[in-house]
Amino acid sequence: MDGRLTILTVQEVARYLRVHTMTVYRMIQRGDLPGVRVGRGWRFKRDQIDRWLAEHETNSHPTTRSPARRRAGSRR
């Protein structure tokens, strides 16, 4: 890396994390994502997002899922 600071918008963070922009806004509201309000928008340092991802990694495997619950009114 060339050492330059990379600043991301909400839309860029959403694309980077592969989530909807509303998910990013919810994460901001909960205080989950490290970001700064600039005017009416939000800005994020890419290295802080990368650090946040590393800190929130889990070692669980998706194959160990709990059984699905039936919805009320659904038929089997």
C-alpha atoms as a PDB file:
ATOM      1  CA  MET A   1       0.000   0.000   0.000  1.00  0.00           C
ATOM      2  CA  ASP A   2       1.244   3.526  -0.690  1.00  0.00           C
ATOM      3  CA  GLY A   3       0.376   4.861   2.785  1.00  0.00           C
ATOM      4  CA  ARG A   4      -2.355   7.237   1.620  1.00  0.00           C
ATOM      5  CA  LEU A   5      -5.442   7.648   3.759  1.00  0.00           C
ATOM      6  CA  THR A   6      -8.567   6.235   2.132  1.00  0.00           C
ATOM      7  CA  ILE A   7     -11.857   7.859   3.116  1.00  0.00           C
ATOM      8  CA  LEU A   8     -15.124   6.065   2.318  1.00  0.00           C
ATOM      9  CA  THR A   9     -18.740   7.230   2.131  1.00  0.00           C
ATOM     10  CA  VAL A  10     -21.745   5.272   3.413  1.00  0.00           C
ATOM     11  CA  GLN A  11     -22.371   3.902  -0.079  1.00  0.00           C
ATOM     12  CA  GLU A  12     -18.735   2.809  -0.446  1.00  0.00           C
ATOM     13  CA  VAL A  13     -18.752   1.122   2.979  1.00  0.00           C
ATOM     14  CA  ALA A  14     -21.979  -0.677   2.062  1.00  0.00           C
ATOM     15  CA  ARG A  15     -20.393  -1.935  -1.165  1.00  0.00           C
ATOM     16  CA  TYR A  16     -17.198  -2.893   0.677  1.00  0.00           C
ATOM     17  CA  LEU A  17     -19.091  -4.849   3.351  1.00  0.00           C
ATOM     18  CA  ARG A  18     -21.618  -6.141   0.778  1.00  0.00           C
ATOM     19  CA  VAL A  19     -24.606  -4.922   2.745  1.00  0.00           C
ATOM     20  CA  HIS A  20     -27.428  -2.486   2.038  1.00  0.00           C
ATOM     21  CA  THR A  21     -26.842   1.196   2.804  1.00  0.00           C
ATOM     22  CA  MET A  22     -29.648   1.076   5.399  1.00  0.00           C
ATOM     23  CA  THR A  23     -27.672  -1.617   7.228  1.00  0.00           C
ATOM     24  CA  VAL A  24     -24.701   0.758   7.407  1.00  0.00           C
ATOM     25  CA  TYR A  25     -26.955   3.532   8.764  1.00  0.00           C
ATOM     26  CA  ARG A  26     -28.337   1.141  11.403  1.00  0.00           C
ATOM     27  CA  MET A  27     -24.800   0.154  12.391  1.00  0.00           C
ATOM     28  CA  ILE A  28     -23.884   3.845  12.705  1.00  0.00           C
ATOM     29  CA  GLN A  29     -26.965   4.499  14.847  1.00  0.00           C
ATOM     30  CA  ARG A  30     -26.018   1.625  17.183  1.00  0.00           C
ATOM     31  CA  GLY A  31     -22.435   2.904  17.380  1.00  0.00           C
ATOM     32  CA  ASP A  32     -21.066  -0.260  15.776  1.00  0.00           C
ATOM     33  CA  LEU A  33     -19.053   1.319  12.950  1.00  0.00           C
ATOM     34  CA  PRO A  34     -16.209   3.801  13.485  1.00  0.00           C
ATOM     35  CA  GLY A  35     -17.150   6.884  11.505  1.00  0.00           C
ATOM     36  CA  VAL A  36     -17.332  10.664  11.578  1.00  0.00           C
ATOM     37  CA  ARG A  37     -20.230  12.898  10.643  1.00  0.00           C
ATOM     38  CA  VAL A  38     -19.189  15.502   8.071  1.00  0.00           C
ATOM     39  CA  GLY A  39     -21.976  17.955   7.336  1.00  0.00           C
ATOM     40  CA  ARG A  40     -25.013  15.825   6.531  1.00  0.00           C
ATOM     41  CA  GLY A  41     -22.981  12.757   5.556  1.00  0.00           C
ATOM     42  CA  TRP A  42     -20.697  10.202   7.146  1.00  0.00           C
ATOM     43  CA  ARG A  43     -17.069   9.371   6.381  1.00  0.00           C
ATOM     44  CA  PHE A  44     -15.059   6.301   7.325  1.00  0.00           C
ATOM     45  CA  LYS A  45     -11.343   5.544   7.279  1.00  0.00           C
ATOM     46  CA  ARG A  46     -10.760   2.343   5.323  1.00  0.00           C
ATOM     47  CA  ASP A  47      -8.096   1.121   7.759  1.00  0.00           C
ATOM     48  CA  GLN A  48     -10.520   1.556  10.690  1.00  0.00           C
ATOM     49  CA  ILE A  49     -13.192  -0.445   8.839  1.00  0.00           C
ATOM     50  CA  ASP A  50     -10.605  -3.172   8.184  1.00  0.00           C
ATOM     51  CA  ARG A  51      -9.627  -3.166  11.866  1.00  0.00           C
ATOM     52  CA  TRP A  52     -13.301  -3.295  12.885  1.00  0.00           C
ATOM     53  CA  LEU A  53     -13.818  -6.304  10.593  1.00  0.00           C
ATOM     54  CA  ALA A  54     -10.809  -8.114  12.077  1.00  0.00           C
ATOM     55  CA  GLU A  55     -12.050  -7.466  15.628  1.00  0.00           C
ATOM     56  CA  HIS A  56     -15.509  -8.790  14.816  1.00  0.00           C
ATOM     57  CA  GLU A  57     -14.484 -11.957  13.014  1.00  0.00           C
ATOM     58  CA  THR A  58     -16.002 -15.144  14.354  1.00  0.00           C
ATOM     59  CA  ASN A  59     -14.680 -18.650  14.229  1.00  0.00           C
ATOM     60  CA  SER A  60     -18.112 -20.205  13.891  1.00  0.00           C
ATOM     61  CA  HIS A  61     -18.896 -22.322  10.872  1.00  0.00           C
ATOM     62  CA  PRO A  62     -22.134 -21.875   8.926  1.00  0.00           C
ATOM     63  CA  THR A  63     -22.652 -25.659   8.864  1.00  0.00           C
ATOM     64  CA  THR A  64     -23.478 -25.653  12.592  1.00  0.00           C
ATOM     65  CA  ARG A  65     -26.873 -24.011  12.208  1.00  0.00           C
ATOM     66  CA  SER A  66     -29.729 -24.402  14.598  1.00  0.00           C
ATOM     67  CA  PRO A  67     -32.889 -26.048  13.231  1.00  0.00           C
ATOM     68  CA  ALA A  68     -35.242 -23.709  11.423  1.00  0.00           C
ATOM     69  CA  ARG A  69     -38.353 -22.726  13.330  1.00  0.00           C
ATOM     70  CA  ARG A  70     -41.744 -22.979  11.673  1.00  0.00           C
ATOM     71  CA  ARG A  71     -43.606 -19.775  11.051  1.00  0.00           C
ATOM     72  CA  ALA A  72     -47.045 -19.421  12.490  1.00  0.00           C
ATOM     73  CA  GLY A  73     -49.580 -20.536   9.912  1.00  0.00           C
ATOM     74  CA  SER A  74     -47.096 -22.333   7.667  1.00  0.00           C
ATOM     75  CA  ARG A  75     -47.773 -25.888   6.575  1.00  0.00           C
ATOM     76  CA  ARG A  76     -45.397 -28.761   6.219  1.00  0.00           C
END
